N, C-alpha and C. Protein backbone atom coordinates (compact mmCIF):
# COMPACT_ATOMS: atom_id res chain seq x y z
N MET A 1 -1.68 -12.22 -5.11
CA MET A 1 -1.05 -12.33 -3.82
C MET A 1 -0.92 -10.94 -3.20
N PHE A 2 -1.21 -10.86 -1.94
CA PHE A 2 -1.09 -9.61 -1.18
C PHE A 2 -0.54 -10.02 0.18
N LYS A 3 0.74 -9.74 0.39
CA LYS A 3 1.38 -10.10 1.66
C LYS A 3 1.72 -8.84 2.44
N VAL A 4 1.38 -8.84 3.73
CA VAL A 4 1.70 -7.74 4.63
C VAL A 4 2.75 -8.23 5.61
N ILE A 5 3.93 -7.60 5.57
CA ILE A 5 5.05 -8.05 6.38
C ILE A 5 5.51 -6.92 7.29
N PRO A 6 5.37 -7.09 8.62
CA PRO A 6 5.89 -6.07 9.53
C PRO A 6 7.40 -5.95 9.36
N ASN A 7 7.90 -4.71 9.39
CA ASN A 7 9.33 -4.46 9.22
C ASN A 7 9.71 -3.39 10.24
N GLY A 8 9.96 -3.80 11.44
CA GLY A 8 10.26 -2.85 12.50
C GLY A 8 8.99 -2.43 13.23
N ILE A 9 9.12 -1.41 14.06
CA ILE A 9 8.02 -0.99 14.92
C ILE A 9 6.90 -0.30 14.14
N ASN A 10 7.24 0.62 13.26
CA ASN A 10 6.23 1.43 12.59
C ASN A 10 6.28 1.34 11.07
N ARG A 11 6.58 0.15 10.59
CA ARG A 11 6.65 -0.01 9.13
C ARG A 11 6.06 -1.34 8.70
N LEU A 12 5.39 -1.28 7.56
CA LEU A 12 4.89 -2.49 6.92
C LEU A 12 5.45 -2.55 5.51
N ASP A 13 5.81 -3.74 5.07
CA ASP A 13 6.17 -3.98 3.68
C ASP A 13 5.03 -4.80 3.08
N ILE A 14 4.59 -4.38 1.92
CA ILE A 14 3.48 -5.05 1.26
C ILE A 14 3.93 -5.52 -0.11
N GLU A 15 3.72 -6.79 -0.39
CA GLU A 15 4.02 -7.35 -1.70
C GLU A 15 2.70 -7.63 -2.40
N LEU A 16 2.58 -7.12 -3.62
CA LEU A 16 1.35 -7.27 -4.39
C LEU A 16 1.69 -7.83 -5.76
N SER A 17 1.04 -8.92 -6.12
CA SER A 17 1.23 -9.46 -7.47
C SER A 17 -0.03 -10.22 -7.87
N GLY A 18 -0.25 -10.27 -9.16
CA GLY A 18 -1.39 -11.00 -9.68
C GLY A 18 -2.69 -10.24 -9.51
N LYS A 19 -3.77 -10.93 -9.74
CA LYS A 19 -5.12 -10.34 -9.69
C LYS A 19 -5.84 -10.85 -8.44
N LEU A 20 -6.33 -9.93 -7.64
CA LEU A 20 -7.05 -10.31 -6.42
C LEU A 20 -8.53 -10.48 -6.71
N ASN A 21 -9.11 -11.54 -6.12
CA ASN A 21 -10.56 -11.70 -6.18
C ASN A 21 -11.15 -11.18 -4.87
N ALA A 22 -12.46 -11.26 -4.71
CA ALA A 22 -13.13 -10.70 -3.54
C ALA A 22 -12.64 -11.30 -2.23
N GLU A 23 -12.52 -12.62 -2.18
CA GLU A 23 -12.09 -13.27 -0.93
C GLU A 23 -10.65 -12.89 -0.59
N GLU A 24 -9.77 -12.87 -1.59
CA GLU A 24 -8.37 -12.49 -1.35
C GLU A 24 -8.28 -11.04 -0.88
N MET A 25 -9.11 -10.17 -1.44
CA MET A 25 -9.12 -8.76 -1.02
C MET A 25 -9.59 -8.65 0.42
N LYS A 26 -10.61 -9.39 0.80
CA LYS A 26 -11.10 -9.36 2.18
C LYS A 26 -10.00 -9.79 3.15
N VAL A 27 -9.33 -10.88 2.84
CA VAL A 27 -8.24 -11.39 3.68
C VAL A 27 -7.10 -10.38 3.75
N ALA A 28 -6.75 -9.78 2.61
CA ALA A 28 -5.66 -8.82 2.56
C ALA A 28 -5.96 -7.59 3.41
N LEU A 29 -7.17 -7.07 3.29
CA LEU A 29 -7.53 -5.88 4.07
C LEU A 29 -7.61 -6.19 5.56
N ASP A 30 -8.12 -7.37 5.91
CA ASP A 30 -8.13 -7.79 7.32
C ASP A 30 -6.71 -7.86 7.87
N GLU A 31 -5.81 -8.44 7.08
CA GLU A 31 -4.41 -8.57 7.51
C GLU A 31 -3.77 -7.19 7.67
N LEU A 32 -4.07 -6.29 6.77
CA LEU A 32 -3.54 -4.93 6.85
C LEU A 32 -4.01 -4.23 8.13
N VAL A 33 -5.27 -4.37 8.45
CA VAL A 33 -5.82 -3.76 9.67
C VAL A 33 -5.15 -4.35 10.91
N ILE A 34 -5.05 -5.66 10.97
CA ILE A 34 -4.46 -6.33 12.14
C ILE A 34 -3.00 -5.92 12.32
N LYS A 35 -2.23 -5.95 11.25
CA LYS A 35 -0.79 -5.69 11.36
C LYS A 35 -0.44 -4.22 11.51
N SER A 36 -1.41 -3.33 11.29
CA SER A 36 -1.13 -1.91 11.48
C SER A 36 -1.76 -1.36 12.76
N LYS A 37 -2.35 -2.24 13.54
CA LYS A 37 -3.09 -1.85 14.74
C LYS A 37 -2.31 -0.90 15.66
N ASP A 38 -1.07 -1.19 15.95
CA ASP A 38 -0.30 -0.39 16.91
C ASP A 38 0.65 0.61 16.25
N ILE A 39 0.53 0.81 14.97
CA ILE A 39 1.45 1.70 14.25
C ILE A 39 1.01 3.15 14.42
N GLU A 40 2.02 4.00 14.63
CA GLU A 40 1.82 5.46 14.68
C GLU A 40 2.93 6.08 13.85
N LYS A 41 2.57 7.08 13.06
CA LYS A 41 3.55 7.76 12.20
C LYS A 41 4.32 6.74 11.36
N GLY A 42 3.57 5.84 10.77
CA GLY A 42 4.17 4.70 10.08
C GLY A 42 4.64 4.98 8.66
N LYS A 43 5.30 3.96 8.14
CA LYS A 43 5.82 3.97 6.78
C LYS A 43 5.42 2.65 6.13
N ILE A 44 5.19 2.71 4.82
CA ILE A 44 4.83 1.51 4.06
C ILE A 44 5.71 1.44 2.82
N LEU A 45 6.22 0.25 2.53
CA LEU A 45 6.91 0.00 1.27
C LEU A 45 6.07 -1.01 0.50
N TYR A 46 5.46 -0.54 -0.61
CA TYR A 46 4.67 -1.41 -1.49
C TYR A 46 5.59 -1.90 -2.60
N ASP A 47 5.68 -3.18 -2.78
CA ASP A 47 6.41 -3.75 -3.91
C ASP A 47 5.38 -4.36 -4.85
N VAL A 48 5.10 -3.65 -5.93
CA VAL A 48 4.11 -4.11 -6.90
C VAL A 48 4.85 -4.93 -7.94
N ILE A 49 4.82 -6.24 -7.76
CA ILE A 49 5.61 -7.16 -8.57
C ILE A 49 4.98 -7.36 -9.95
N ASP A 50 3.72 -7.65 -9.99
CA ASP A 50 3.03 -7.91 -11.25
C ASP A 50 1.57 -7.52 -11.05
N PHE A 51 1.25 -6.28 -11.38
CA PHE A 51 -0.06 -5.75 -11.06
C PHE A 51 -1.10 -6.09 -12.12
N HIS A 52 -2.26 -6.51 -11.66
CA HIS A 52 -3.42 -6.70 -12.51
C HIS A 52 -4.59 -6.02 -11.82
N ILE A 53 -5.49 -5.45 -12.59
CA ILE A 53 -6.67 -4.82 -12.02
C ILE A 53 -7.43 -5.89 -11.21
N PRO A 54 -7.80 -5.60 -9.96
CA PRO A 54 -8.56 -6.58 -9.16
C PRO A 54 -9.89 -6.92 -9.82
N SER A 55 -10.45 -8.05 -9.44
CA SER A 55 -11.76 -8.44 -9.96
C SER A 55 -12.81 -7.43 -9.50
N PHE A 56 -13.95 -7.43 -10.17
CA PHE A 56 -15.05 -6.54 -9.78
C PHE A 56 -15.44 -6.78 -8.32
N GLY A 57 -15.52 -8.04 -7.91
CA GLY A 57 -15.86 -8.37 -6.52
C GLY A 57 -14.85 -7.82 -5.53
N ALA A 58 -13.56 -7.85 -5.89
CA ALA A 58 -12.51 -7.32 -5.02
C ALA A 58 -12.65 -5.81 -4.88
N ILE A 59 -12.99 -5.14 -5.98
CA ILE A 59 -13.18 -3.70 -5.94
C ILE A 59 -14.37 -3.34 -5.05
N VAL A 60 -15.43 -4.12 -5.13
CA VAL A 60 -16.61 -3.90 -4.27
C VAL A 60 -16.23 -4.05 -2.80
N VAL A 61 -15.43 -5.07 -2.47
CA VAL A 61 -14.98 -5.27 -1.09
C VAL A 61 -14.16 -4.06 -0.64
N GLU A 62 -13.25 -3.61 -1.48
CA GLU A 62 -12.40 -2.48 -1.13
C GLU A 62 -13.23 -1.22 -0.93
N LEU A 63 -14.16 -0.95 -1.83
CA LEU A 63 -15.01 0.24 -1.71
C LEU A 63 -15.90 0.18 -0.47
N SER A 64 -16.36 -1.02 -0.12
CA SER A 64 -17.21 -1.15 1.06
C SER A 64 -16.46 -0.83 2.35
N ARG A 65 -15.15 -0.94 2.29
CA ARG A 65 -14.31 -0.66 3.47
C ARG A 65 -13.59 0.67 3.36
N PHE A 66 -13.93 1.45 2.38
CA PHE A 66 -13.20 2.69 2.15
C PHE A 66 -13.12 3.59 3.39
N PRO A 67 -14.22 3.84 4.11
CA PRO A 67 -14.09 4.70 5.30
C PRO A 67 -13.09 4.16 6.32
N ALA A 68 -13.10 2.86 6.57
CA ALA A 68 -12.15 2.26 7.52
C ALA A 68 -10.73 2.34 6.98
N MET A 69 -10.55 2.11 5.69
CA MET A 69 -9.22 2.16 5.09
C MET A 69 -8.67 3.58 5.09
N PHE A 70 -9.54 4.56 4.87
CA PHE A 70 -9.11 5.95 4.91
C PHE A 70 -8.61 6.29 6.32
N GLY A 71 -9.32 5.83 7.33
CA GLY A 71 -8.89 6.04 8.71
C GLY A 71 -7.58 5.33 9.00
N LEU A 72 -7.42 4.15 8.45
CA LEU A 72 -6.19 3.38 8.64
C LEU A 72 -5.00 4.11 8.04
N MET A 73 -5.19 4.75 6.91
CA MET A 73 -4.08 5.45 6.24
C MET A 73 -3.59 6.63 7.07
N LYS A 74 -4.40 7.12 8.00
CA LYS A 74 -3.97 8.21 8.88
C LYS A 74 -2.86 7.76 9.84
N LYS A 75 -2.68 6.46 9.98
CA LYS A 75 -1.62 5.92 10.83
C LYS A 75 -0.25 6.04 10.16
N PHE A 76 -0.24 6.37 8.86
CA PHE A 76 0.99 6.37 8.09
C PHE A 76 1.32 7.76 7.58
N GLU A 77 2.63 8.08 7.56
CA GLU A 77 3.11 9.36 7.07
C GLU A 77 3.68 9.26 5.65
N ARG A 78 4.28 8.13 5.35
CA ARG A 78 4.94 7.96 4.05
C ARG A 78 4.69 6.57 3.49
N ALA A 79 4.57 6.54 2.17
CA ALA A 79 4.47 5.26 1.47
C ALA A 79 5.33 5.35 0.21
N ALA A 80 6.18 4.37 0.04
CA ALA A 80 6.99 4.26 -1.18
C ALA A 80 6.42 3.12 -2.00
N ILE A 81 6.25 3.37 -3.29
CA ILE A 81 5.69 2.38 -4.20
C ILE A 81 6.78 1.96 -5.17
N LEU A 82 7.09 0.68 -5.20
CA LEU A 82 8.03 0.13 -6.18
C LEU A 82 7.23 -0.50 -7.31
N THR A 83 7.34 0.06 -8.51
CA THR A 83 6.62 -0.47 -9.66
C THR A 83 7.31 -0.06 -10.95
N ASP A 84 7.14 -0.86 -11.96
CA ASP A 84 7.68 -0.52 -13.28
C ASP A 84 6.60 0.03 -14.19
N LYS A 85 5.39 0.18 -13.69
CA LYS A 85 4.27 0.70 -14.48
C LYS A 85 4.17 2.22 -14.30
N THR A 86 4.40 2.97 -15.36
CA THR A 86 4.37 4.43 -15.30
C THR A 86 3.01 4.93 -14.82
N TRP A 87 1.93 4.36 -15.35
CA TRP A 87 0.60 4.83 -14.97
C TRP A 87 0.32 4.59 -13.49
N LEU A 88 0.85 3.49 -12.94
CA LEU A 88 0.64 3.18 -11.53
C LEU A 88 1.41 4.16 -10.65
N LYS A 89 2.58 4.58 -11.10
CA LYS A 89 3.34 5.60 -10.36
C LYS A 89 2.55 6.89 -10.28
N LYS A 90 1.97 7.32 -11.40
CA LYS A 90 1.22 8.58 -11.42
C LYS A 90 -0.03 8.49 -10.56
N VAL A 91 -0.75 7.37 -10.64
CA VAL A 91 -1.96 7.19 -9.84
C VAL A 91 -1.61 7.16 -8.35
N SER A 92 -0.52 6.50 -8.00
CA SER A 92 -0.11 6.41 -6.60
C SER A 92 0.20 7.78 -6.02
N GLU A 93 0.97 8.57 -6.78
CA GLU A 93 1.34 9.89 -6.29
C GLU A 93 0.12 10.82 -6.24
N LEU A 94 -0.81 10.67 -7.16
CA LEU A 94 -2.06 11.43 -7.12
C LEU A 94 -2.85 11.06 -5.87
N GLU A 95 -2.89 9.78 -5.55
CA GLU A 95 -3.59 9.32 -4.34
C GLU A 95 -2.97 9.97 -3.11
N GLY A 96 -1.65 10.09 -3.10
CA GLY A 96 -0.98 10.73 -1.97
C GLY A 96 -1.40 12.18 -1.81
N ALA A 97 -1.67 12.86 -2.92
CA ALA A 97 -2.12 14.24 -2.87
C ALA A 97 -3.54 14.35 -2.30
N LEU A 98 -4.30 13.28 -2.38
CA LEU A 98 -5.69 13.29 -1.93
C LEU A 98 -5.87 12.84 -0.47
N ILE A 99 -4.84 12.23 0.09
CA ILE A 99 -4.94 11.73 1.47
C ILE A 99 -4.12 12.65 2.38
N PRO A 100 -4.79 13.45 3.19
CA PRO A 100 -4.07 14.38 4.07
C PRO A 100 -3.10 13.65 5.01
N GLY A 101 -1.90 14.18 5.11
CA GLY A 101 -0.92 13.64 6.03
C GLY A 101 -0.14 12.45 5.51
N LEU A 102 -0.45 11.97 4.31
CA LEU A 102 0.27 10.82 3.74
C LEU A 102 0.98 11.26 2.48
N GLU A 103 2.29 11.11 2.49
CA GLU A 103 3.10 11.43 1.33
C GLU A 103 3.46 10.13 0.62
N ILE A 104 3.16 10.07 -0.67
CA ILE A 104 3.44 8.87 -1.46
C ILE A 104 4.41 9.23 -2.56
N LYS A 105 5.44 8.41 -2.72
CA LYS A 105 6.41 8.61 -3.78
C LYS A 105 6.63 7.27 -4.47
N ALA A 106 6.65 7.30 -5.80
CA ALA A 106 6.82 6.08 -6.58
C ALA A 106 8.26 5.97 -7.09
N PHE A 107 8.72 4.74 -7.14
CA PHE A 107 10.07 4.42 -7.60
C PHE A 107 10.00 3.24 -8.56
N ASP A 108 11.01 3.14 -9.43
CA ASP A 108 11.15 1.93 -10.25
C ASP A 108 11.48 0.77 -9.32
N ARG A 109 11.14 -0.44 -9.74
CA ARG A 109 11.39 -1.60 -8.87
C ARG A 109 12.87 -1.80 -8.58
N ASP A 110 13.74 -1.33 -9.45
CA ASP A 110 15.18 -1.49 -9.20
C ASP A 110 15.75 -0.36 -8.34
N GLN A 111 14.89 0.50 -7.81
CA GLN A 111 15.31 1.62 -6.96
C GLN A 111 14.93 1.39 -5.49
N LYS A 112 14.99 0.16 -5.05
CA LYS A 112 14.58 -0.16 -3.68
C LYS A 112 15.43 0.59 -2.65
N GLU A 113 16.73 0.70 -2.90
CA GLU A 113 17.59 1.41 -1.94
C GLU A 113 17.18 2.88 -1.81
N GLU A 114 16.84 3.51 -2.94
CA GLU A 114 16.40 4.90 -2.90
C GLU A 114 15.07 5.02 -2.15
N ALA A 115 14.18 4.08 -2.38
CA ALA A 115 12.89 4.09 -1.69
C ALA A 115 13.09 3.91 -0.18
N GLU A 116 13.97 2.99 0.20
CA GLU A 116 14.27 2.76 1.62
C GLU A 116 14.83 4.03 2.26
N ALA A 117 15.74 4.71 1.54
CA ALA A 117 16.35 5.94 2.06
C ALA A 117 15.28 7.02 2.23
N TRP A 118 14.38 7.15 1.25
CA TRP A 118 13.33 8.15 1.33
C TRP A 118 12.39 7.86 2.50
N LEU A 119 12.07 6.60 2.73
CA LEU A 119 11.20 6.24 3.84
C LEU A 119 11.85 6.57 5.19
N SER A 120 13.17 6.49 5.25
CA SER A 120 13.85 6.67 6.53
C SER A 120 14.04 8.14 6.90
N ILE A 121 13.65 9.04 6.03
CA ILE A 121 13.81 10.50 6.33
C ILE A 121 12.82 10.88 7.42
């Protein structure tokens, strides 16, 4: 499951759980593009409920859209990741170091208030 939920003018909340296949990844990325269309200097709160590595087909879909997704990420200044997986926290923050203008910080899933406060800075 990949749900994109608008939360105010310049924020999206994303819920991710389970394993995405190619069709689900296509729908998820389309939804992300549509719902972030008018966002400027945005913020994202990712809630990674139960993460599984996407299927090979889903990864191919994501990689095929990488240039567009990279451009889309320029619409956002901050992303908070809620996850209980230590490795996912490290990968998320490393990704933030690789995307100019996007700061990513990971939090435990029970630290939602801290993540919300950090996003509001």
